[in-house]
Amino acid sequence: MKVLVTGATGFVGRHLVEALLTRGCQVRAVARNAEAAASLPWINAVEFIAADIHADELNIPALTDGIDALAHLAWPGLPNYQALFHFEHNLMADYRFIKGAVEAGVPQVLVTGTCFEYGLQSGPLSEQTEARPSNPYGLAKNTLRLFLENLQQVQPFTLQWARLFTCTEKGRTLTVYWLRWTGQSRPATPASTCRPASNCAITWRSTQPPVTSPRSCNSANLMA
């Protein structure tokens, strides 16, 4: 299986690339900063492409040629969660890129969402919890998810949406709570329900890969 990872040099991205390689995947890693990529330990094990996925001149069919799954992590402008460019620019630029990848034949797309899609709600959260974004970043991400669900109706593909919580650089700890939605035309039965939400967390540190044991690289295991 060959996976295209955008935002590959970010904190989440570089861990994901390492995990995919551990599982035996081939990885095409994309990021804007080639110098940052050159310092990462996996750089010689991947096909690296320096590119801005929002650029008008980007050749999406060439970038996605031979790709079995897209793991889309890139999202410029963070950690400014209040800026209007999240929905004035990033939202439609992301949609155009993902739509182009699907139209080019990529059958499986994983996109990172955010806990900000839930807004200021308290208590246990599950995949069925209504999204109530309260800042431009959360609004843009949740709207992108809705756009992609509608795209599934006319261009069938598997969509996986991963809402990330508590990503911290200093302690090298990444906690992930995810929604896994599959199916050709609509979200499938949720993969898990959190009661409490912390029960759905996957936590790892820099000293170990973000999987409990090596698994084969296939579409079913992309977020397993």
N, C-alpha and C. Protein backbone atom coordinates (compact mmCIF):
# COMPACT_ATOMS: atom_id res chain seq x y z
N MET A 1 0.84 -1.19 0.00
CA MET A 1 0.00 0.00 0.00
C MET A 1 0.88 1.24 0.00
N LYS A 2 0.54 2.22 -0.82
CA LYS A 2 1.30 3.46 -0.89
C LYS A 2 0.43 4.61 -0.40
N VAL A 3 0.94 5.35 0.58
CA VAL A 3 0.17 6.40 1.25
C VAL A 3 0.82 7.74 0.98
N LEU A 4 0.01 8.71 0.58
CA LEU A 4 0.45 10.09 0.44
C LEU A 4 0.13 10.83 1.73
N VAL A 5 1.15 11.37 2.38
CA VAL A 5 0.97 12.10 3.63
C VAL A 5 1.28 13.57 3.40
N THR A 6 0.29 14.44 3.57
CA THR A 6 0.55 15.87 3.51
C THR A 6 0.82 16.39 4.92
N GLY A 7 1.56 17.49 5.02
CA GLY A 7 1.94 17.96 6.35
C GLY A 7 2.88 17.01 7.03
N ALA A 8 3.74 16.36 6.25
CA ALA A 8 4.55 15.25 6.76
C ALA A 8 5.61 15.70 7.76
N THR A 9 5.99 16.98 7.76
CA THR A 9 7.03 17.43 8.68
C THR A 9 6.47 18.00 9.98
N GLY A 10 5.15 18.06 10.10
CA GLY A 10 4.54 18.53 11.33
C GLY A 10 4.66 17.51 12.44
N PHE A 11 4.26 17.90 13.65
CA PHE A 11 4.40 17.00 14.80
C PHE A 11 3.60 15.71 14.59
N VAL A 12 2.37 15.83 14.16
CA VAL A 12 1.56 14.64 13.90
C VAL A 12 2.08 13.91 12.67
N GLY A 13 2.38 14.66 11.62
CA GLY A 13 2.79 14.07 10.36
C GLY A 13 4.04 13.23 10.45
N ARG A 14 5.04 13.71 11.16
CA ARG A 14 6.27 12.94 11.20
C ARG A 14 6.13 11.65 12.01
N HIS A 15 5.24 11.66 12.99
CA HIS A 15 4.95 10.41 13.71
C HIS A 15 4.15 9.45 12.84
N LEU A 16 3.22 10.00 12.07
CA LEU A 16 2.41 9.14 11.19
C LEU A 16 3.29 8.47 10.14
N VAL A 17 4.19 9.24 9.54
CA VAL A 17 5.09 8.66 8.55
C VAL A 17 5.89 7.51 9.16
N GLU A 18 6.42 7.72 10.34
CA GLU A 18 7.18 6.66 11.02
C GLU A 18 6.31 5.42 11.26
N ALA A 19 5.06 5.65 11.68
CA ALA A 19 4.17 4.52 11.94
C ALA A 19 3.83 3.76 10.67
N LEU A 20 3.61 4.48 9.59
CA LEU A 20 3.30 3.82 8.32
C LEU A 20 4.47 2.99 7.82
N LEU A 21 5.66 3.52 7.95
CA LEU A 21 6.85 2.77 7.55
C LEU A 21 7.00 1.52 8.40
N THR A 22 6.70 1.64 9.70
CA THR A 22 6.77 0.48 10.59
C THR A 22 5.82 -0.62 10.14
N ARG A 23 4.68 -0.22 9.61
CA ARG A 23 3.69 -1.19 9.15
C ARG A 23 3.99 -1.75 7.76
N GLY A 24 5.03 -1.25 7.14
CA GLY A 24 5.40 -1.76 5.83
C GLY A 24 4.83 -1.00 4.67
N CYS A 25 4.25 0.16 4.93
CA CYS A 25 3.70 0.99 3.85
C CYS A 25 4.83 1.68 3.09
N GLN A 26 4.55 1.96 1.84
CA GLN A 26 5.34 2.91 1.09
C GLN A 26 4.75 4.30 1.33
N VAL A 27 5.59 5.31 1.48
CA VAL A 27 5.12 6.65 1.81
C VAL A 27 5.65 7.67 0.83
N ARG A 28 4.75 8.48 0.31
CA ARG A 28 5.12 9.69 -0.41
C ARG A 28 4.80 10.85 0.51
N ALA A 29 5.81 11.50 1.04
CA ALA A 29 5.64 12.55 2.04
C ALA A 29 5.71 13.92 1.37
N VAL A 30 4.75 14.77 1.71
CA VAL A 30 4.67 16.10 1.11
C VAL A 30 4.70 17.16 2.21
N ALA A 31 5.52 18.17 2.00
CA ALA A 31 5.58 19.31 2.91
C ALA A 31 6.21 20.47 2.15
N ARG A 32 6.01 21.68 2.69
CA ARG A 32 6.55 22.85 2.00
C ARG A 32 8.03 23.05 2.27
N ASN A 33 8.50 22.63 3.43
CA ASN A 33 9.86 22.93 3.86
C ASN A 33 10.76 21.72 3.69
N ALA A 34 11.56 21.73 2.63
CA ALA A 34 12.46 20.61 2.37
C ALA A 34 13.58 20.53 3.40
N GLU A 35 14.00 21.67 3.93
CA GLU A 35 15.07 21.67 4.93
C GLU A 35 14.62 20.97 6.21
N ALA A 36 13.37 21.24 6.63
CA ALA A 36 12.85 20.57 7.82
C ALA A 36 12.75 19.07 7.60
N ALA A 37 12.35 18.68 6.40
CA ALA A 37 12.23 17.25 6.09
C ALA A 37 13.58 16.56 6.12
N ALA A 38 14.62 17.24 5.66
CA ALA A 38 15.94 16.63 5.56
C ALA A 38 16.50 16.21 6.91
N SER A 39 16.01 16.83 8.00
CA SER A 39 16.52 16.51 9.32
C SER A 39 15.79 15.36 9.99
N LEU A 40 14.75 14.84 9.36
CA LEU A 40 13.95 13.78 9.98
C LEU A 40 14.56 12.41 9.70
N PRO A 41 14.46 11.49 10.66
CA PRO A 41 15.17 10.21 10.53
C PRO A 41 14.67 9.33 9.40
N TRP A 42 13.44 9.55 8.94
CA TRP A 42 12.89 8.68 7.91
C TRP A 42 13.05 9.22 6.49
N ILE A 43 13.76 10.33 6.33
CA ILE A 43 13.77 11.01 5.03
C ILE A 43 14.25 10.11 3.90
N ASN A 44 15.21 9.24 4.17
CA ASN A 44 15.74 8.38 3.10
C ASN A 44 14.88 7.15 2.85
N ALA A 45 13.83 6.96 3.66
CA ALA A 45 12.96 5.80 3.50
C ALA A 45 11.66 6.14 2.78
N VAL A 46 11.49 7.42 2.43
CA VAL A 46 10.25 7.85 1.79
C VAL A 46 10.57 8.54 0.46
N GLU A 47 9.53 8.72 -0.31
CA GLU A 47 9.61 9.58 -1.49
C GLU A 47 9.14 10.96 -1.04
N PHE A 48 10.06 11.91 -0.93
CA PHE A 48 9.69 13.24 -0.43
C PHE A 48 9.49 14.22 -1.58
N ILE A 49 8.41 15.00 -1.48
CA ILE A 49 8.12 16.03 -2.47
C ILE A 49 7.86 17.34 -1.74
N ALA A 50 8.62 18.36 -2.08
CA ALA A 50 8.41 19.70 -1.53
C ALA A 50 7.35 20.40 -2.38
N ALA A 51 6.21 20.68 -1.79
CA ALA A 51 5.12 21.29 -2.54
C ALA A 51 4.14 21.97 -1.60
N ASP A 52 3.46 22.98 -2.13
CA ASP A 52 2.35 23.63 -1.43
C ASP A 52 1.06 23.07 -2.02
N ILE A 53 0.33 22.30 -1.24
CA ILE A 53 -0.86 21.64 -1.78
C ILE A 53 -1.97 22.61 -2.13
N HIS A 54 -1.87 23.86 -1.69
CA HIS A 54 -2.87 24.87 -2.02
C HIS A 54 -2.49 25.70 -3.24
N ALA A 55 -1.34 25.44 -3.82
CA ALA A 55 -0.87 26.22 -4.96
C ALA A 55 -1.74 25.93 -6.18
N ASP A 56 -2.06 26.99 -6.92
CA ASP A 56 -2.92 26.85 -8.11
C ASP A 56 -2.26 25.97 -9.16
N GLU A 57 -0.93 26.02 -9.23
CA GLU A 57 -0.23 25.27 -10.27
C GLU A 57 0.06 23.82 -9.89
N LEU A 58 -0.38 23.38 -8.72
CA LEU A 58 -0.11 22.01 -8.28
C LEU A 58 -0.73 21.00 -9.24
N ASN A 59 0.07 20.03 -9.64
CA ASN A 59 -0.40 18.96 -10.52
C ASN A 59 -0.87 17.80 -9.64
N ILE A 60 -2.15 17.80 -9.31
CA ILE A 60 -2.67 16.80 -8.37
C ILE A 60 -2.63 15.40 -8.95
N PRO A 61 -2.99 15.18 -10.22
CA PRO A 61 -2.88 13.81 -10.76
C PRO A 61 -1.46 13.26 -10.68
N ALA A 62 -0.47 14.09 -10.92
CA ALA A 62 0.92 13.62 -10.83
C ALA A 62 1.31 13.33 -9.39
N LEU A 63 0.87 14.20 -8.48
CA LEU A 63 1.21 14.02 -7.06
C LEU A 63 0.59 12.75 -6.49
N THR A 64 -0.59 12.39 -6.97
CA THR A 64 -1.31 11.24 -6.43
C THR A 64 -1.16 9.98 -7.28
N ASP A 65 -0.34 10.04 -8.30
CA ASP A 65 -0.17 8.88 -9.17
C ASP A 65 0.35 7.68 -8.38
N GLY A 66 -0.34 6.56 -8.46
CA GLY A 66 0.07 5.34 -7.77
C GLY A 66 -0.28 5.30 -6.30
N ILE A 67 -1.05 6.26 -5.81
CA ILE A 67 -1.38 6.35 -4.39
C ILE A 67 -2.66 5.56 -4.07
N ASP A 68 -2.61 4.78 -2.99
CA ASP A 68 -3.76 4.01 -2.54
C ASP A 68 -4.58 4.72 -1.48
N ALA A 69 -3.94 5.61 -0.73
CA ALA A 69 -4.65 6.32 0.33
C ALA A 69 -3.97 7.66 0.58
N LEU A 70 -4.79 8.65 0.88
CA LEU A 70 -4.30 9.99 1.22
C LEU A 70 -4.53 10.23 2.70
N ALA A 71 -3.47 10.58 3.43
CA ALA A 71 -3.58 11.03 4.82
C ALA A 71 -3.30 12.52 4.81
N HIS A 72 -4.36 13.31 4.91
CA HIS A 72 -4.24 14.76 4.72
C HIS A 72 -4.18 15.46 6.07
N LEU A 73 -2.98 15.90 6.45
CA LEU A 73 -2.76 16.56 7.73
C LEU A 73 -2.47 18.05 7.59
N ALA A 74 -2.05 18.48 6.41
CA ALA A 74 -1.62 19.86 6.23
C ALA A 74 -2.78 20.84 6.46
N TRP A 75 -2.47 21.93 7.17
CA TRP A 75 -3.44 23.02 7.39
C TRP A 75 -2.66 24.22 7.88
N PRO A 76 -2.43 25.21 7.01
CA PRO A 76 -1.58 26.35 7.38
C PRO A 76 -2.23 27.25 8.43
N GLY A 77 -1.38 28.00 9.14
CA GLY A 77 -1.87 29.08 9.98
C GLY A 77 -2.07 28.79 11.44
N LEU A 78 -1.81 27.57 11.87
CA LEU A 78 -1.98 27.25 13.29
C LEU A 78 -0.73 27.65 14.07
N PRO A 79 -0.87 28.01 15.36
CA PRO A 79 -2.03 27.80 16.24
C PRO A 79 -2.97 28.99 16.38
N ASN A 80 -3.10 29.82 15.36
CA ASN A 80 -4.07 30.92 15.41
C ASN A 80 -5.45 30.36 15.05
N TYR A 81 -6.25 30.07 16.06
CA TYR A 81 -7.54 29.42 15.83
C TYR A 81 -8.65 30.41 15.50
N GLN A 82 -8.39 31.71 15.68
CA GLN A 82 -9.44 32.72 15.52
C GLN A 82 -9.41 33.41 14.17
N ALA A 83 -8.38 33.21 13.38
CA ALA A 83 -8.23 33.94 12.13
C ALA A 83 -9.29 33.52 11.11
N LEU A 84 -9.79 34.51 10.37
CA LEU A 84 -10.84 34.24 9.39
C LEU A 84 -10.34 33.46 8.19
N PHE A 85 -9.00 33.45 7.94
CA PHE A 85 -8.50 32.75 6.76
C PHE A 85 -8.77 31.26 6.82
N HIS A 86 -9.10 30.72 8.00
CA HIS A 86 -9.39 29.29 8.07
C HIS A 86 -10.57 28.94 7.18
N PHE A 87 -11.62 29.76 7.17
CA PHE A 87 -12.72 29.45 6.26
C PHE A 87 -12.72 30.33 5.01
N GLU A 88 -11.99 31.45 5.03
CA GLU A 88 -11.93 32.28 3.82
C GLU A 88 -10.95 31.71 2.79
N HIS A 89 -9.93 30.97 3.25
CA HIS A 89 -8.94 30.40 2.33
C HIS A 89 -8.77 28.90 2.49
N ASN A 90 -8.40 28.45 3.70
CA ASN A 90 -8.03 27.05 3.88
C ASN A 90 -9.16 26.09 3.54
N LEU A 91 -10.37 26.44 3.90
CA LEU A 91 -11.51 25.55 3.68
C LEU A 91 -11.64 25.15 2.22
N MET A 92 -11.76 26.12 1.34
CA MET A 92 -11.97 25.79 -0.07
C MET A 92 -10.69 25.27 -0.73
N ALA A 93 -9.52 25.76 -0.27
CA ALA A 93 -8.28 25.24 -0.83
C ALA A 93 -8.11 23.77 -0.50
N ASP A 94 -8.45 23.39 0.73
CA ASP A 94 -8.39 21.99 1.12
C ASP A 94 -9.40 21.15 0.34
N TYR A 95 -10.60 21.68 0.21
CA TYR A 95 -11.64 20.92 -0.51
C TYR A 95 -11.21 20.69 -1.97
N ARG A 96 -10.68 21.72 -2.61
CA ARG A 96 -10.24 21.56 -4.00
C ARG A 96 -9.14 20.50 -4.11
N PHE A 97 -8.21 20.51 -3.16
CA PHE A 97 -7.12 19.53 -3.21
C PHE A 97 -7.65 18.11 -3.02
N ILE A 98 -8.47 17.90 -2.00
CA ILE A 98 -8.98 16.55 -1.73
C ILE A 98 -9.88 16.09 -2.87
N LYS A 99 -10.73 16.97 -3.36
CA LYS A 99 -11.61 16.63 -4.49
C LYS A 99 -10.77 16.24 -5.70
N GLY A 100 -9.69 16.99 -5.95
CA GLY A 100 -8.81 16.66 -7.06
C GLY A 100 -8.16 15.30 -6.89
N ALA A 101 -7.78 14.97 -5.65
CA ALA A 101 -7.16 13.67 -5.39
C ALA A 101 -8.16 12.54 -5.62
N VAL A 102 -9.40 12.73 -5.17
CA VAL A 102 -10.43 11.72 -5.37
C VAL A 102 -10.73 11.55 -6.86
N GLU A 103 -10.84 12.65 -7.57
CA GLU A 103 -11.12 12.59 -9.01
C GLU A 103 -9.96 11.97 -9.77
N ALA A 104 -8.74 12.05 -9.20
CA ALA A 104 -7.58 11.43 -9.83
C ALA A 104 -7.50 9.94 -9.54
N GLY A 105 -8.40 9.44 -8.67
CA GLY A 105 -8.48 8.01 -8.44
C GLY A 105 -8.05 7.53 -7.07
N VAL A 106 -7.77 8.43 -6.12
CA VAL A 106 -7.42 8.00 -4.77
C VAL A 106 -8.69 7.48 -4.09
N PRO A 107 -8.73 6.22 -3.65
CA PRO A 107 -9.98 5.63 -3.15
C PRO A 107 -10.23 5.84 -1.67
N GLN A 108 -9.20 6.21 -0.91
CA GLN A 108 -9.34 6.32 0.55
C GLN A 108 -8.69 7.61 1.01
N VAL A 109 -9.43 8.38 1.81
CA VAL A 109 -8.94 9.68 2.28
C VAL A 109 -9.13 9.77 3.79
N LEU A 110 -8.06 10.05 4.50
CA LEU A 110 -8.12 10.34 5.92
C LEU A 110 -7.76 11.81 6.12
N VAL A 111 -8.61 12.52 6.86
CA VAL A 111 -8.39 13.94 7.11
C VAL A 111 -8.38 14.18 8.62
N THR A 112 -7.45 14.99 9.09
CA THR A 112 -7.45 15.33 10.50
C THR A 112 -8.40 16.49 10.77
N GLY A 113 -9.34 16.22 11.67
CA GLY A 113 -10.22 17.26 12.16
C GLY A 113 -9.66 17.82 13.45
N THR A 114 -10.53 18.32 14.31
CA THR A 114 -10.08 18.96 15.54
C THR A 114 -11.14 18.85 16.63
N CYS A 115 -10.67 18.84 17.87
CA CYS A 115 -11.60 18.87 18.99
C CYS A 115 -12.41 20.15 19.01
N PHE A 116 -11.92 21.21 18.34
CA PHE A 116 -12.65 22.47 18.29
C PHE A 116 -13.96 22.35 17.51
N GLU A 117 -14.13 21.26 16.77
CA GLU A 117 -15.42 21.05 16.10
C GLU A 117 -16.54 20.87 17.12
N TYR A 118 -16.21 20.38 18.32
CA TYR A 118 -17.21 20.19 19.37
C TYR A 118 -17.52 21.49 20.10
N GLY A 119 -16.70 22.51 19.94
CA GLY A 119 -16.94 23.76 20.63
C GLY A 119 -16.68 23.65 22.12
N LEU A 120 -17.52 24.31 22.92
CA LEU A 120 -17.31 24.39 24.36
C LEU A 120 -18.18 23.41 25.13
N GLN A 121 -18.57 22.32 24.51
CA GLN A 121 -19.37 21.31 25.20
C GLN A 121 -18.54 20.60 26.26
N SER A 122 -19.21 20.13 27.30
CA SER A 122 -18.53 19.38 28.35
C SER A 122 -19.18 18.02 28.50
N GLY A 123 -18.47 17.10 29.16
CA GLY A 123 -19.00 15.76 29.37
C GLY A 123 -18.47 14.80 28.32
N PRO A 124 -18.92 13.53 28.37
CA PRO A 124 -18.46 12.52 27.41
C PRO A 124 -18.78 12.91 25.98
N LEU A 125 -17.88 12.61 25.08
CA LEU A 125 -18.06 12.88 23.66
C LEU A 125 -18.03 11.57 22.89
N SER A 126 -18.82 11.49 21.84
CA SER A 126 -18.81 10.32 20.97
C SER A 126 -18.94 10.80 19.54
N GLU A 127 -18.87 9.85 18.61
CA GLU A 127 -19.03 10.19 17.20
C GLU A 127 -20.40 10.80 16.91
N GLN A 128 -21.39 10.49 17.77
CA GLN A 128 -22.72 11.03 17.55
C GLN A 128 -22.92 12.41 18.16
N THR A 129 -21.96 12.89 18.96
CA THR A 129 -22.10 14.20 19.57
C THR A 129 -22.15 15.28 18.50
N GLU A 130 -23.14 16.16 18.61
CA GLU A 130 -23.32 17.21 17.61
C GLU A 130 -22.13 18.16 17.60
N ALA A 131 -21.68 18.52 16.41
CA ALA A 131 -20.61 19.50 16.28
C ALA A 131 -21.17 20.90 16.54
N ARG A 132 -20.48 21.66 17.39
CA ARG A 132 -20.88 23.04 17.68
C ARG A 132 -19.64 23.92 17.72
N PRO A 133 -18.98 24.09 16.58
CA PRO A 133 -17.73 24.85 16.56
C PRO A 133 -17.94 26.29 17.02
N SER A 134 -16.98 26.78 17.79
CA SER A 134 -17.11 28.13 18.35
C SER A 134 -15.95 29.04 17.95
N ASN A 135 -15.10 28.59 17.01
CA ASN A 135 -14.08 29.48 16.47
C ASN A 135 -13.91 29.18 14.98
N PRO A 136 -13.28 30.08 14.22
CA PRO A 136 -13.16 29.89 12.78
C PRO A 136 -12.46 28.60 12.37
N TYR A 137 -11.47 28.17 13.14
CA TYR A 137 -10.77 26.93 12.81
C TYR A 137 -11.71 25.73 12.89
N GLY A 138 -12.42 25.60 14.01
CA GLY A 138 -13.36 24.50 14.16
C GLY A 138 -14.47 24.55 13.14
N LEU A 139 -14.95 25.75 12.83
CA LEU A 139 -16.01 25.90 11.82
C LEU A 139 -15.52 25.44 10.45
N ALA A 140 -14.30 25.83 10.09
CA ALA A 140 -13.76 25.46 8.79
C ALA A 140 -13.57 23.95 8.68
N LYS A 141 -13.03 23.33 9.73
CA LYS A 141 -12.81 21.88 9.69
C LYS A 141 -14.13 21.13 9.60
N ASN A 142 -15.10 21.52 10.41
CA ASN A 142 -16.38 20.81 10.38
C ASN A 142 -17.08 21.00 9.04
N THR A 143 -16.97 22.18 8.47
CA THR A 143 -17.58 22.42 7.16
C THR A 143 -16.89 21.60 6.08
N LEU A 144 -15.57 21.46 6.17
CA LEU A 144 -14.85 20.61 5.22
C LEU A 144 -15.38 19.18 5.29
N ARG A 145 -15.60 18.69 6.50
CA ARG A 145 -16.15 17.33 6.64
C ARG A 145 -17.51 17.22 5.94
N LEU A 146 -18.36 18.20 6.13
CA LEU A 146 -19.68 18.17 5.49
C LEU A 146 -19.56 18.23 3.97
N PHE A 147 -18.64 19.05 3.48
CA PHE A 147 -18.40 19.11 2.03
C PHE A 147 -17.98 17.75 1.50
N LEU A 148 -17.07 17.09 2.21
CA LEU A 148 -16.56 15.80 1.73
C LEU A 148 -17.63 14.72 1.79
N GLU A 149 -18.51 14.77 2.79
CA GLU A 149 -19.61 13.82 2.84
C GLU A 149 -20.52 13.99 1.63
N ASN A 150 -20.74 15.23 1.23
CA ASN A 150 -21.57 15.48 0.04
C ASN A 150 -20.84 15.05 -1.23
N LEU A 151 -19.53 15.22 -1.26
CA LEU A 151 -18.75 14.76 -2.40
C LEU A 151 -18.87 13.25 -2.55
N GLN A 152 -18.95 12.52 -1.45
CA GLN A 152 -19.10 11.06 -1.50
C GLN A 152 -20.35 10.64 -2.26
N GLN A 153 -21.37 11.48 -2.25
CA GLN A 153 -22.62 11.12 -2.92
C GLN A 153 -22.47 11.05 -4.43
N VAL A 154 -21.53 11.84 -4.97
CA VAL A 154 -21.36 11.89 -6.43
C VAL A 154 -20.05 11.26 -6.89
N GLN A 155 -19.09 11.12 -5.97
CA GLN A 155 -17.79 10.53 -6.29
C GLN A 155 -17.42 9.59 -5.16
N PRO A 156 -17.90 8.35 -5.20
CA PRO A 156 -17.70 7.44 -4.07
C PRO A 156 -16.23 7.24 -3.70
N PHE A 157 -15.94 7.37 -2.41
CA PHE A 157 -14.62 7.09 -1.86
C PHE A 157 -14.78 6.86 -0.37
N THR A 158 -13.78 6.26 0.24
CA THR A 158 -13.80 6.02 1.67
C THR A 158 -13.25 7.25 2.39
N LEU A 159 -14.02 7.77 3.33
CA LEU A 159 -13.62 8.94 4.11
C LEU A 159 -13.42 8.54 5.56
N GLN A 160 -12.28 8.90 6.10
CA GLN A 160 -11.99 8.72 7.53
C GLN A 160 -11.67 10.10 8.11
N TRP A 161 -12.35 10.45 9.19
CA TRP A 161 -12.20 11.77 9.80
C TRP A 161 -11.64 11.57 11.21
N ALA A 162 -10.49 12.17 11.49
CA ALA A 162 -9.80 11.96 12.77
C ALA A 162 -9.74 13.26 13.54
N ARG A 163 -10.45 13.33 14.66
CA ARG A 163 -10.43 14.53 15.50
C ARG A 163 -9.32 14.39 16.53
N LEU A 164 -8.38 15.30 16.51
CA LEU A 164 -7.20 15.22 17.37
C LEU A 164 -7.38 16.04 18.63
N PHE A 165 -6.90 15.50 19.74
CA PHE A 165 -6.94 16.16 21.04
C PHE A 165 -5.53 16.18 21.63
N THR A 166 -5.18 17.24 22.31
CA THR A 166 -4.01 17.31 23.21
C THR A 166 -2.73 16.87 22.53
N CYS A 167 -2.33 17.58 21.50
CA CYS A 167 -1.05 17.32 20.86
C CYS A 167 -0.02 18.27 21.47
N THR A 168 0.96 17.75 22.19
CA THR A 168 1.94 18.58 22.86
C THR A 168 3.34 18.22 22.41
N GLU A 169 4.13 19.22 22.10
CA GLU A 169 5.48 19.01 21.59
C GLU A 169 6.49 18.76 22.69
N LYS A 170 6.39 19.48 23.81
CA LYS A 170 7.42 19.42 24.84
C LYS A 170 7.59 18.01 25.41
N GLY A 171 6.49 17.37 25.75
CA GLY A 171 6.56 16.03 26.31
C GLY A 171 6.58 14.95 25.27
N ARG A 172 6.54 15.34 23.99
CA ARG A 172 6.53 14.38 22.89
C ARG A 172 5.38 13.40 23.02
N THR A 173 4.26 13.91 23.48
CA THR A 173 3.09 13.06 23.67
C THR A 173 1.99 13.46 22.71
N LEU A 174 1.40 12.50 22.07
CA LEU A 174 0.29 12.77 21.16
C LEU A 174 -0.89 11.91 21.57
N THR A 175 -1.99 12.54 21.87
CA THR A 175 -3.20 11.82 22.22
C THR A 175 -4.21 12.01 21.10
N VAL A 176 -4.74 10.91 20.60
CA VAL A 176 -5.64 10.97 19.46
C VAL A 176 -6.97 10.35 19.80
N TYR A 177 -8.04 11.09 19.58
CA TYR A 177 -9.40 10.53 19.62
C TYR A 177 -9.91 10.64 18.20
N TRP A 178 -10.36 9.55 17.63
CA TRP A 178 -10.69 9.60 16.22
C TRP A 178 -12.11 9.15 15.95
N LEU A 179 -12.65 9.69 14.84
CA LEU A 179 -13.86 9.14 14.25
C LEU A 179 -13.42 8.45 12.97
N ARG A 180 -13.80 7.22 12.79
CA ARG A 180 -13.49 6.53 11.55
C ARG A 180 -14.79 6.32 10.79
N TRP A 181 -14.93 7.02 9.69
CA TRP A 181 -16.12 6.88 8.86
C TRP A 181 -15.70 6.24 7.55
N THR A 182 -16.34 5.16 7.21
CA THR A 182 -16.02 4.48 5.97
C THR A 182 -17.29 4.33 5.16
N GLY A 183 -17.16 3.75 3.99
CA GLY A 183 -18.33 3.56 3.15
C GLY A 183 -18.20 4.38 1.88
N GLN A 184 -18.94 3.99 0.89
CA GLN A 184 -18.82 4.62 -0.41
C GLN A 184 -19.65 5.89 -0.56
N SER A 185 -20.76 5.98 0.17
CA SER A 185 -21.62 7.13 -0.07
C SER A 185 -22.05 7.86 1.19
N ARG A 186 -21.87 7.25 2.36
CA ARG A 186 -22.30 7.91 3.59
C ARG A 186 -21.49 7.35 4.75
N PRO A 187 -21.45 8.07 5.87
CA PRO A 187 -20.70 7.55 7.02
C PRO A 187 -21.23 6.20 7.48
N ALA A 188 -20.32 5.32 7.83
CA ALA A 188 -20.72 4.00 8.32
C ALA A 188 -20.91 4.05 9.82
N THR A 189 -21.25 2.90 10.40
CA THR A 189 -21.39 2.81 11.85
C THR A 189 -20.09 3.24 12.51
N PRO A 190 -20.14 4.13 13.51
CA PRO A 190 -18.91 4.62 14.14
C PRO A 190 -18.05 3.48 14.67
N ALA A 191 -16.75 3.72 14.62
CA ALA A 191 -15.80 2.68 15.04
C ALA A 191 -15.79 2.50 16.54
N SER A 192 -16.07 3.55 17.29
CA SER A 192 -15.99 3.43 18.74
C SER A 192 -16.77 4.56 19.39
N THR A 193 -17.16 4.35 20.62
CA THR A 193 -17.85 5.37 21.39
C THR A 193 -17.11 5.58 22.70
N CYS A 194 -16.92 6.82 23.08
CA CYS A 194 -16.10 7.13 24.25
C CYS A 194 -16.97 7.46 25.45
N ARG A 195 -16.88 6.69 26.48
CA ARG A 195 -17.54 7.00 27.75
C ARG A 195 -16.63 6.52 28.89
N PRO A 196 -15.75 7.36 29.43
CA PRO A 196 -15.53 8.75 29.06
C PRO A 196 -14.68 8.87 27.80
N ALA A 197 -14.49 10.11 27.33
CA ALA A 197 -13.76 10.34 26.08
C ALA A 197 -12.34 9.81 26.14
N SER A 198 -11.72 9.86 27.30
CA SER A 198 -10.32 9.43 27.41
C SER A 198 -10.14 7.95 27.10
N ASN A 199 -11.22 7.18 27.16
CA ASN A 199 -11.10 5.75 26.85
C ASN A 199 -10.82 5.50 25.38
N CYS A 200 -11.03 6.52 24.55
CA CYS A 200 -10.79 6.36 23.12
C CYS A 200 -9.43 6.90 22.70
N ALA A 201 -8.57 7.18 23.66
CA ALA A 201 -7.29 7.80 23.33
C ALA A 201 -6.23 6.77 22.97
N ILE A 202 -5.39 7.13 22.05
CA ILE A 202 -4.17 6.39 21.76
C ILE A 202 -3.04 7.32 22.16
N THR A 203 -2.18 6.91 23.04
CA THR A 203 -1.10 7.78 23.50
C THR A 203 0.24 7.12 23.23
N TRP A 204 1.18 7.89 22.72
CA TRP A 204 2.52 7.36 22.57
C TRP A 204 3.55 8.45 22.79
N ARG A 205 4.78 8.05 23.05
CA ARG A 205 5.87 8.99 23.23
C ARG A 205 6.92 8.76 22.16
N SER A 206 7.85 9.68 22.08
CA SER A 206 8.83 9.65 21.00
C SER A 206 9.71 8.40 21.05
N THR A 207 9.76 7.71 22.17
CA THR A 207 10.63 6.54 22.30
C THR A 207 10.00 5.28 21.71
N GLN A 208 8.74 5.35 21.31
CA GLN A 208 8.11 4.18 20.74
C GLN A 208 7.14 4.59 19.64
N PRO A 209 6.91 3.72 18.65
CA PRO A 209 6.02 4.07 17.55
C PRO A 209 4.58 4.11 18.01
N PRO A 210 3.70 4.83 17.25
CA PRO A 210 2.32 4.99 17.67
C PRO A 210 1.43 3.80 17.35
N VAL A 211 1.96 2.60 17.48
CA VAL A 211 1.16 1.39 17.35
C VAL A 211 1.67 0.41 18.39
N THR A 212 0.80 -0.43 18.90
CA THR A 212 1.22 -1.35 19.95
C THR A 212 2.01 -2.52 19.39
N SER A 213 1.77 -2.85 18.13
CA SER A 213 2.53 -3.93 17.50
C SER A 213 2.51 -3.70 16.00
N PRO A 214 3.52 -4.17 15.26
CA PRO A 214 3.54 -3.99 13.82
C PRO A 214 2.34 -4.66 13.17
N ARG A 215 1.77 -3.98 12.18
CA ARG A 215 0.66 -4.55 11.43
C ARG A 215 0.96 -4.40 9.95
N SER A 216 0.30 -5.19 9.15
CA SER A 216 0.51 -5.08 7.72
C SER A 216 -0.11 -3.78 7.23
N CYS A 217 0.44 -3.30 6.13
CA CYS A 217 -0.03 -2.03 5.60
C CYS A 217 -1.16 -2.27 4.61
N ASN A 218 -2.38 -1.99 5.02
CA ASN A 218 -3.51 -2.05 4.11
C ASN A 218 -4.52 -1.01 4.52
N SER A 219 -5.51 -0.80 3.68
CA SER A 219 -6.44 0.29 3.90
C SER A 219 -7.21 0.14 5.21
N ALA A 220 -7.53 -1.09 5.60
CA ALA A 220 -8.30 -1.31 6.82
C ALA A 220 -7.52 -0.91 8.06
N ASN A 221 -6.18 -0.95 7.96
CA ASN A 221 -5.34 -0.69 9.13
C ASN A 221 -4.83 0.75 9.20
N LEU A 222 -5.23 1.61 8.29
CA LEU A 222 -4.64 2.93 8.21
C LEU A 222 -4.81 3.70 9.51
N MET A 223 -5.97 3.56 10.17
CA MET A 223 -6.18 4.24 11.45
C MET A 223 -6.42 3.25 12.57
N ALA A 224 -6.06 1.99 12.37
CA ALA A 224 -6.31 0.99 13.40
C ALA A 224 -5.36 1.17 14.57
